[in-house]
Amino acid sequence: MKTLVCYPMKSLVNTYVPAGCEALTTENEEDFFRKADIYKPEAAVLFSEMFSLPVWEWLPKAKASLSDSVPIIIVPLYKDEALISHVVEKSGIQNTYLLSANSTQEEIRNRIGLILGMNDYVEKAKSRGDGIVYALMSHGGSGITTFCINYPILLAKRNPEKRIAVIDMNGEKPDLTRFFKLEKHQLASFRPDLLDLSIASRRNWMSVCKQSSHMDNLFYANGTNKWRSYEVTNLIEVLRRQFDYVYIDWGYCFPETEALQRLLFSADRNLFFVRADPFSLEGAATWIKRWAEKGIRHEVLVSHFDKGHPHRIGEGISVYGVVPRISDNRLIHSHRSHSVLVEEFFPPKQYISSLHAIIDSEKRKRGAVVYG
């Protein structure tokens, strides 16, 4: 692929671009615009340090010098990253990818290869389009993070032929991203792809994710961002095509944004996590019934349940599962030490039993599980 690279040292350019890139180097901004006009590159890699003009001037000018179909990949300095991101967002410049300023040389090379489709191809990925997407949300503090850490591992073990993705889209409290160290596995780096579903479908999204150290068929990604509603739709569709099970941790169900509404309409199953106390159950039932009037169906996962206590949620609301209480000390230790409960030497048996019961219920295609 003929790639125009704007970088100050021509001798080092090949250390930043993947094999297969026919790199044409420009060592100053004037030379970049001249060669862009002459050679008509298929892609461009711009290091922000090369431009003396303010980003709101040089970026539109650089984009205008290239065909609309040519992707621009920007490698920013620390001081430029936030401003470049703001300019790309507000100006609506299409087909522009911004890398992280803290990327290493190898990470820059790999990311460029991913963006340009040179590392792997979507033919390696499943594209049947029949995966199931679960949207997970709550009013807070009801165990979504613990569920997403533990349940998918058991699901992956019992279904080794299935591909499973866990996506952290909780922008307010991205605990999954911190737990699994997903900062460099950010789906939002590929937002330009999501403008067009046909383009997004050609990418192997498994290669964007982080593969689990426990199971080869389990993948994680950071999806925290202020998504536009159409991006949510297209992201869900491409994930559905390439994975069998997709669990999206949306987190708080407020504020009720356009993106949240699109998620609720696009997901196959909406799971509302709620603590097993009367006030939480009543609040969840009210919220769920209000959305039911708009045609959105939710199932409830009751958490922090003490055996023998009632957990009535209301008529017309399905209970997806019930998981028992885990002691605060056990949870705090697990999260701080990055220990997965279901992989511990002495795991909490009742908690694991409840997760297996949910899996069994899924296999029987029933929507309700009662632990007790």
Protein backbone atom coordinates (compact mmCIF):
# COMPACT_ATOMS: atom_id res chain seq x y z
CA MET A 1 0.00 0.00 0.00
CA LYS A 2 1.47 3.35 -1.07
CA THR A 3 1.67 5.36 2.16
CA LEU A 4 2.82 8.95 2.54
CA VAL A 5 4.58 9.38 5.91
CA CYS A 6 5.36 12.80 7.33
CA TYR A 7 8.23 12.22 9.79
CA PRO A 8 11.45 14.14 10.52
CA MET A 9 13.91 11.23 10.02
CA LYS A 10 13.58 9.28 6.79
CA SER A 11 15.96 6.55 8.01
CA LEU A 12 13.57 5.62 10.86
CA VAL A 13 10.28 5.58 8.97
CA ASN A 14 10.37 1.85 8.24
CA THR A 15 10.50 1.12 11.99
CA TYR A 16 7.07 2.75 12.34
CA VAL A 17 5.23 1.26 9.35
CA PRO A 18 4.28 -2.41 8.89
CA ALA A 19 5.70 -4.69 6.26
CA GLY A 20 3.76 -4.23 3.05
CA CYS A 21 3.65 -0.46 3.31
CA GLU A 22 5.38 1.26 0.42
CA ALA A 23 6.45 4.24 2.50
CA LEU A 24 7.10 7.55 0.81
CA THR A 25 8.67 9.89 3.36
CA THR A 26 8.29 13.65 3.63
CA GLU A 27 10.49 15.45 6.15
CA ASN A 28 8.55 18.71 6.32
CA GLU A 29 5.00 19.88 5.86
CA GLU A 30 5.62 21.69 2.56
CA ASP A 31 7.03 18.51 1.05
CA PHE A 32 4.01 16.56 2.33
CA PHE A 33 1.53 18.74 0.44
CA ARG A 34 3.69 18.65 -2.71
CA LYS A 35 4.03 14.85 -2.74
CA ALA A 36 0.37 14.33 -1.82
CA ASP A 37 -0.54 16.19 -5.01
CA ILE A 38 1.99 14.35 -7.18
CA TYR A 39 1.84 10.74 -5.96
CA LYS A 40 -1.80 10.32 -4.88
CA PRO A 41 -1.08 8.01 -1.91
CA GLU A 42 -3.47 5.31 -0.68
CA ALA A 43 -2.88 6.25 2.99
CA ALA A 44 -1.12 8.92 5.04
CA VAL A 45 0.65 8.78 8.40
CA LEU A 46 1.21 12.18 10.00
CA PHE A 47 3.35 12.84 13.08
CA SER A 48 1.92 16.00 14.65
CA GLU A 49 5.37 17.38 15.50
CA MET A 50 5.93 18.01 11.78
CA PHE A 51 3.36 20.79 11.50
CA SER A 52 3.97 24.37 12.59
CA LEU A 53 0.44 25.60 11.95
CA PRO A 54 -2.30 25.09 14.59
CA VAL A 55 -4.02 21.73 14.24
CA TRP A 56 -7.34 23.33 13.24
CA GLU A 57 -5.50 24.69 10.19
CA TRP A 58 -3.08 21.93 9.16
CA LEU A 59 -5.44 18.96 9.62
CA PRO A 60 -8.25 20.22 7.31
CA LYS A 61 -5.58 21.30 4.83
CA ALA A 62 -3.96 17.86 4.93
CA LYS A 63 -7.32 16.17 4.47
CA ALA A 64 -8.19 18.42 1.54
CA SER A 65 -4.93 17.47 -0.18
CA LEU A 66 -5.93 13.82 -0.28
CA SER A 67 -8.82 11.87 -1.76
CA ASP A 68 -11.80 11.38 0.58
CA SER A 69 -11.18 7.63 0.57
CA VAL A 70 -7.60 7.97 1.81
CA PRO A 71 -7.25 7.20 5.54
CA ILE A 72 -5.18 9.61 7.63
CA ILE A 73 -3.43 8.20 10.69
CA ILE A 74 -2.15 10.79 13.17
CA VAL A 75 0.62 10.04 15.68
CA PRO A 76 0.38 12.90 18.21
CA LEU A 77 2.72 14.34 20.76
CA TYR A 78 1.43 14.31 24.35
CA LYS A 79 0.72 18.04 24.24
CA ASP A 80 -1.24 17.73 20.99
CA GLU A 81 -3.38 14.62 21.59
CA ALA A 82 -6.37 16.19 23.36
CA LEU A 83 -6.58 19.15 20.97
CA ILE A 84 -6.32 16.96 17.86
CA SER A 85 -9.06 14.70 19.23
CA HIS A 86 -11.27 17.75 19.83
CA VAL A 87 -10.67 19.11 16.31
CA VAL A 88 -11.42 15.74 14.67
CA GLU A 89 -14.61 15.39 16.73
CA LYS A 90 -15.95 18.90 16.20
CA SER A 91 -14.96 19.37 12.56
CA GLY A 92 -16.41 16.05 11.43
CA ILE A 93 -13.31 15.16 9.42
CA GLN A 94 -13.90 11.64 8.13
CA ASN A 95 -11.55 8.69 7.75
CA THR A 96 -9.09 10.09 10.31
CA TYR A 97 -7.57 7.84 12.99
CA LEU A 98 -5.82 9.21 16.07
CA LEU A 99 -3.32 6.96 17.84
CA SER A 100 -2.44 7.24 21.52
CA ALA A 101 0.46 9.54 22.38
CA ASN A 102 1.91 6.95 24.77
CA SER A 103 2.22 4.25 22.10
CA THR A 104 5.56 2.54 21.67
CA GLN A 105 7.24 2.17 18.29
CA GLU A 106 6.00 -1.41 17.99
CA GLU A 107 2.47 -0.43 19.04
CA ILE A 108 2.40 2.33 16.42
CA ARG A 109 3.48 -0.14 13.74
CA ASN A 110 0.89 -2.72 14.81
CA ARG A 111 -1.89 -0.13 15.06
CA ILE A 112 -1.14 1.22 11.59
CA GLY A 113 -1.25 -2.34 10.27
CA LEU A 114 -4.62 -2.90 11.96
CA ILE A 115 -6.11 0.30 10.58
CA LEU A 116 -4.90 -0.37 7.06
CA GLY A 117 -5.95 -4.04 7.23
CA MET A 118 -2.42 -5.35 6.73
CA ASN A 119 -2.04 -7.46 9.89
CA ASP A 120 -4.92 -9.83 9.34
CA TYR A 121 -8.08 -10.07 7.32
CA VAL A 122 -11.72 -10.44 8.08
CA GLU A 123 -11.74 -13.78 6.26
CA LYS A 124 -10.25 -15.16 9.47
CA ALA A 125 -13.27 -13.95 11.39
CA LYS A 126 -16.69 -15.49 11.51
CA SER A 127 -19.29 -13.51 9.59
CA ARG A 128 -22.54 -15.43 10.00
CA GLY A 129 -24.22 -12.53 11.76
CA ASP A 130 -26.09 -14.67 14.28
CA GLY A 131 -24.26 -13.80 17.51
CA ILE A 132 -26.22 -12.68 20.58
CA VAL A 133 -25.57 -9.22 22.04
CA TYR A 134 -26.34 -8.60 25.72
CA ALA A 135 -26.58 -5.04 27.07
CA LEU A 136 -25.81 -4.92 30.80
CA MET A 137 -26.88 -1.90 32.87
CA SER A 138 -27.99 -0.88 36.35
CA HIS A 139 -28.53 1.98 38.78
CA GLY A 140 -25.02 1.27 40.12
CA GLY A 141 -23.29 -1.02 42.59
CA SER A 142 -25.13 -4.17 41.56
CA GLY A 143 -22.32 -6.46 40.41
CA ILE A 144 -21.98 -5.96 36.65
CA THR A 145 -18.19 -5.76 36.83
CA THR A 146 -17.91 -8.91 38.96
CA PHE A 147 -20.27 -10.73 36.58
CA CYS A 148 -18.28 -9.65 33.49
CA ILE A 149 -15.01 -10.75 35.10
CA ASN A 150 -16.24 -14.20 36.07
CA TYR A 151 -19.23 -15.39 34.03
CA PRO A 152 -17.67 -15.16 30.54
CA ILE A 153 -14.76 -17.38 31.64
CA LEU A 154 -17.14 -20.15 32.70
CA LEU A 155 -19.17 -19.63 29.52
CA ALA A 156 -16.00 -19.87 27.41
CA LYS A 157 -14.91 -23.06 29.17
CA ARG A 158 -18.22 -24.75 28.58
CA ASN A 159 -18.43 -23.55 24.97
CA PRO A 160 -14.87 -23.74 23.61
CA GLU A 161 -16.15 -23.57 20.03
CA LYS A 162 -17.84 -20.20 20.64
CA ARG A 163 -16.23 -16.78 20.41
CA ILE A 164 -17.08 -14.47 23.29
CA ALA A 165 -16.47 -10.71 23.58
CA VAL A 166 -16.75 -8.54 26.69
CA ILE A 167 -16.87 -4.81 25.98
CA ASP A 168 -16.46 -2.12 28.64
CA MET A 169 -18.63 0.83 27.61
CA ASN A 170 -19.04 2.25 31.10
CA GLY A 171 -17.63 5.73 30.57
CA GLU A 172 -18.34 6.84 34.13
CA LYS A 173 -16.64 3.92 35.87
CA PRO A 174 -14.54 1.79 33.49
CA ASP A 175 -13.62 -0.88 36.05
CA LEU A 176 -13.30 -3.65 33.46
CA THR A 177 -10.78 -1.60 31.53
CA ARG A 178 -8.69 -1.14 34.66
CA PHE A 179 -9.05 -4.78 35.75
CA PHE A 180 -8.01 -6.27 32.41
CA LYS A 181 -5.67 -3.38 31.42
CA LEU A 182 -7.56 -2.56 28.22
CA GLU A 183 -6.38 1.03 27.77
CA LYS A 184 -4.60 0.13 24.51
CA HIS A 185 -7.47 -1.98 23.20
CA GLN A 186 -9.83 0.93 22.54
CA LEU A 187 -12.59 0.36 19.98
CA ALA A 188 -13.04 4.11 19.60
CA SER A 189 -9.68 4.21 17.78
CA PHE A 190 -11.61 2.78 14.84
CA ARG A 191 -14.59 5.14 14.92
CA PRO A 192 -14.10 6.21 11.28
CA ASP A 193 -14.87 2.62 10.24
CA LEU A 194 -18.26 2.80 11.92
CA LEU A 195 -19.50 5.51 9.61
CA ASP A 196 -20.17 2.80 7.01
CA LEU A 197 -21.23 -0.72 7.99
CA SER A 198 -19.73 -2.21 4.83
CA ILE A 199 -16.33 -0.78 5.79
CA ALA A 200 -16.63 -1.81 9.44
CA SER A 201 -17.57 -5.35 8.43
CA ARG A 202 -14.27 -5.82 6.61
CA ARG A 203 -12.24 -5.39 9.79
CA ASN A 204 -11.34 -8.33 12.01
CA TRP A 205 -12.54 -6.94 15.35
CA MET A 206 -11.03 -9.85 17.25
CA SER A 207 -7.60 -8.47 16.44
CA VAL A 208 -8.58 -5.16 18.07
CA CYS A 209 -9.51 -6.93 21.31
CA LYS A 210 -7.30 -8.39 24.03
CA GLN A 211 -7.36 -12.17 24.20
CA SER A 212 -8.01 -13.66 27.62
CA SER A 213 -5.11 -15.28 29.45
CA HIS A 214 -7.57 -17.92 30.71
CA MET A 215 -9.40 -18.95 27.53
CA ASP A 216 -8.39 -18.60 23.87
CA ASN A 217 -11.98 -17.99 22.75
CA LEU A 218 -12.58 -15.05 25.11
CA PHE A 219 -11.78 -11.44 24.16
CA TYR A 220 -11.99 -8.05 25.90
CA ALA A 221 -12.04 -4.48 24.63
CA ASN A 222 -12.39 -0.94 25.94
CA GLY A 223 -15.38 0.77 24.36
CA THR A 224 -15.65 3.81 26.64
CA ASN A 225 -16.45 6.86 24.54
CA LYS A 226 -19.17 9.37 23.74
CA TRP A 227 -20.61 7.29 20.93
CA ARG A 228 -22.97 8.61 18.33
CA SER A 229 -26.15 6.57 17.97
CA TYR A 230 -25.34 5.29 14.45
CA GLU A 231 -21.90 4.20 15.68
CA VAL A 232 -23.53 2.12 18.41
CA THR A 233 -25.77 0.43 15.83
CA ASN A 234 -22.91 -0.40 13.47
CA LEU A 235 -20.58 -1.51 16.27
CA ILE A 236 -23.18 -3.91 17.63
CA GLU A 237 -23.82 -5.29 14.16
CA VAL A 238 -20.17 -6.02 13.36
CA LEU A 239 -19.62 -7.58 16.79
CA ARG A 240 -22.70 -9.74 16.28
CA ARG A 241 -21.28 -10.93 12.97
CA GLN A 242 -17.87 -11.89 14.35
CA PHE A 243 -18.67 -13.22 17.84
CA ASP A 244 -21.17 -15.75 19.18
CA TYR A 245 -21.76 -13.93 22.48
CA VAL A 246 -21.17 -10.24 23.13
CA TYR A 247 -21.53 -8.74 26.62
CA ILE A 248 -21.61 -4.95 26.73
CA ASP A 249 -21.10 -3.38 30.14
CA TRP A 250 -22.90 -0.06 29.70
CA GLY A 251 -22.98 0.58 33.43
CA TYR A 252 -25.27 3.34 34.67
CA CYS A 253 -28.58 3.61 32.81
CA PHE A 254 -28.50 7.37 33.24
CA PRO A 255 -28.31 9.83 31.67
CA GLU A 256 -30.67 8.37 29.09
CA THR A 257 -28.77 9.43 25.99
CA GLU A 258 -29.49 8.76 22.34
CA ALA A 259 -26.65 6.24 22.40
CA LEU A 260 -28.26 4.37 25.31
CA GLN A 261 -31.59 4.27 23.53
CA ARG A 262 -29.95 2.93 20.38
CA LEU A 263 -28.18 0.28 22.45
CA LEU A 264 -31.46 -0.84 24.02
CA PHE A 265 -33.14 -1.15 20.63
CA SER A 266 -30.13 -2.84 18.97
CA ALA A 267 -29.14 -5.44 21.59
CA ASP A 268 -30.72 -8.88 21.51
CA ARG A 269 -31.21 -9.05 25.28
CA ASN A 270 -31.18 -6.21 27.81
CA LEU A 271 -30.13 -7.30 31.30
CA PHE A 272 -30.84 -5.01 34.24
CA PHE A 273 -28.71 -5.76 37.29
CA VAL A 274 -30.35 -4.93 40.60
CA ARG A 275 -29.46 -5.52 44.23
CA ALA A 276 -31.85 -7.78 46.15
CA ASP A 277 -33.25 -5.14 48.49
CA PRO A 278 -36.79 -3.74 48.33
CA PHE A 279 -35.85 -0.19 47.30
CA SER A 280 -33.55 -1.34 44.49
CA LEU A 281 -36.09 -3.85 43.20
CA GLU A 282 -38.88 -1.29 43.23
CA GLY A 283 -36.75 1.31 41.45
CA ALA A 284 -35.68 -1.19 38.81
CA ALA A 285 -39.26 -2.30 38.18
CA THR A 286 -40.38 1.30 37.67
CA TRP A 287 -37.58 2.01 35.21
CA ILE A 288 -38.12 -1.24 33.28
CA LYS A 289 -41.88 -0.72 32.97
CA ARG A 290 -41.36 2.79 31.63
CA TRP A 291 -39.11 1.46 28.87
CA ALA A 292 -41.53 -1.38 28.19
CA GLU A 293 -44.02 1.26 27.07
CA LYS A 294 -41.53 2.14 24.32
CA GLY A 295 -41.26 -1.47 23.23
CA ILE A 296 -38.00 -2.25 25.07
CA ARG A 297 -37.95 -5.51 27.02
CA HIS A 298 -35.60 -6.08 29.96
CA GLU A 299 -34.70 -9.11 32.02
CA VAL A 300 -33.47 -8.78 35.58
CA LEU A 301 -30.41 -10.26 37.20
CA VAL A 302 -30.81 -10.07 40.98
CA SER A 303 -27.50 -9.74 42.80
CA HIS A 304 -26.29 -9.69 46.40
CA PHE A 305 -29.02 -12.19 47.21
CA ASP A 306 -29.15 -13.81 50.63
CA LYS A 307 -30.52 -17.35 50.51
CA GLY A 308 -34.09 -17.60 51.70
CA HIS A 309 -34.95 -13.93 51.17
CA PRO A 310 -37.77 -13.07 48.72
CA HIS A 311 -36.80 -11.22 45.56
CA ARG A 312 -40.11 -10.23 43.96
CA ILE A 313 -39.57 -7.83 41.10
CA GLY A 314 -43.10 -7.39 39.78
CA GLU A 315 -45.46 -8.89 37.26
CA GLY A 316 -44.44 -9.01 33.63
CA ILE A 317 -40.69 -8.78 34.35
CA SER A 318 -38.51 -11.83 33.67
CA VAL A 319 -35.75 -12.84 36.06
CA TYR A 320 -32.68 -13.79 34.03
CA GLY A 321 -30.66 -14.99 36.99
CA VAL A 322 -29.99 -14.66 40.71
CA VAL A 323 -26.49 -14.56 42.20
CA PRO A 324 -25.69 -14.72 45.91
CA ARG A 325 -23.91 -12.16 48.02
CA ILE A 326 -20.12 -12.27 48.12
CA SER A 327 -18.43 -10.78 51.16
CA ASP A 328 -17.06 -7.27 50.70
CA ASN A 329 -13.60 -8.35 51.81
CA ARG A 330 -13.54 -11.11 49.20
CA LEU A 331 -14.59 -8.75 46.43
CA ILE A 332 -12.17 -6.01 47.43
CA HIS A 333 -9.29 -8.48 47.49
CA SER A 334 -10.30 -9.89 44.11
CA HIS A 335 -10.48 -6.49 42.42
CA ARG A 336 -7.30 -5.11 43.96
CA SER A 337 -5.25 -8.24 43.22
CA HIS A 338 -6.82 -8.78 39.79
CA SER A 339 -7.83 -12.26 40.89
CA VAL A 340 -10.69 -13.93 39.03
CA LEU A 341 -12.99 -15.58 41.56
CA VAL A 342 -13.89 -18.56 39.39
CA GLU A 343 -10.19 -19.27 38.82
CA GLU A 344 -9.16 -19.14 42.48
CA PHE A 345 -8.00 -22.29 44.28
CA PHE A 346 -10.93 -22.04 46.73
CA PRO A 347 -13.63 -20.23 44.74
CA PRO A 348 -16.97 -19.17 46.28
CA LYS A 349 -18.99 -22.28 45.48
CA GLN A 350 -22.48 -20.78 45.72
CA TYR A 351 -21.53 -17.92 43.42
CA ILE A 352 -20.08 -20.29 40.82
CA SER A 353 -23.13 -22.55 41.08
CA SER A 354 -25.39 -19.60 40.31
CA LEU A 355 -23.35 -18.71 37.22
CA HIS A 356 -23.48 -22.30 36.00
CA ALA A 357 -27.24 -22.25 36.54
CA ILE A 358 -27.48 -19.24 34.23
CA ILE A 359 -25.45 -21.06 31.57
CA ASP A 360 -27.67 -24.13 31.92
CA SER A 361 -30.72 -21.91 31.55
CA GLU A 362 -29.28 -20.36 28.39
CA LYS A 363 -28.74 -23.82 26.94
CA ARG A 364 -32.34 -24.71 27.68
CA LYS A 365 -33.39 -21.40 26.14
CA ARG A 366 -35.30 -20.37 29.23
CA GLY A 367 -35.31 -16.82 30.51
CA ALA A 368 -35.55 -17.46 34.24
CA VAL A 369 -33.20 -18.96 36.78
CA VAL A 370 -33.97 -19.30 40.45
CA TYR A 371 -31.10 -19.81 42.86
CA GLY A 372 -31.89 -21.14 46.20
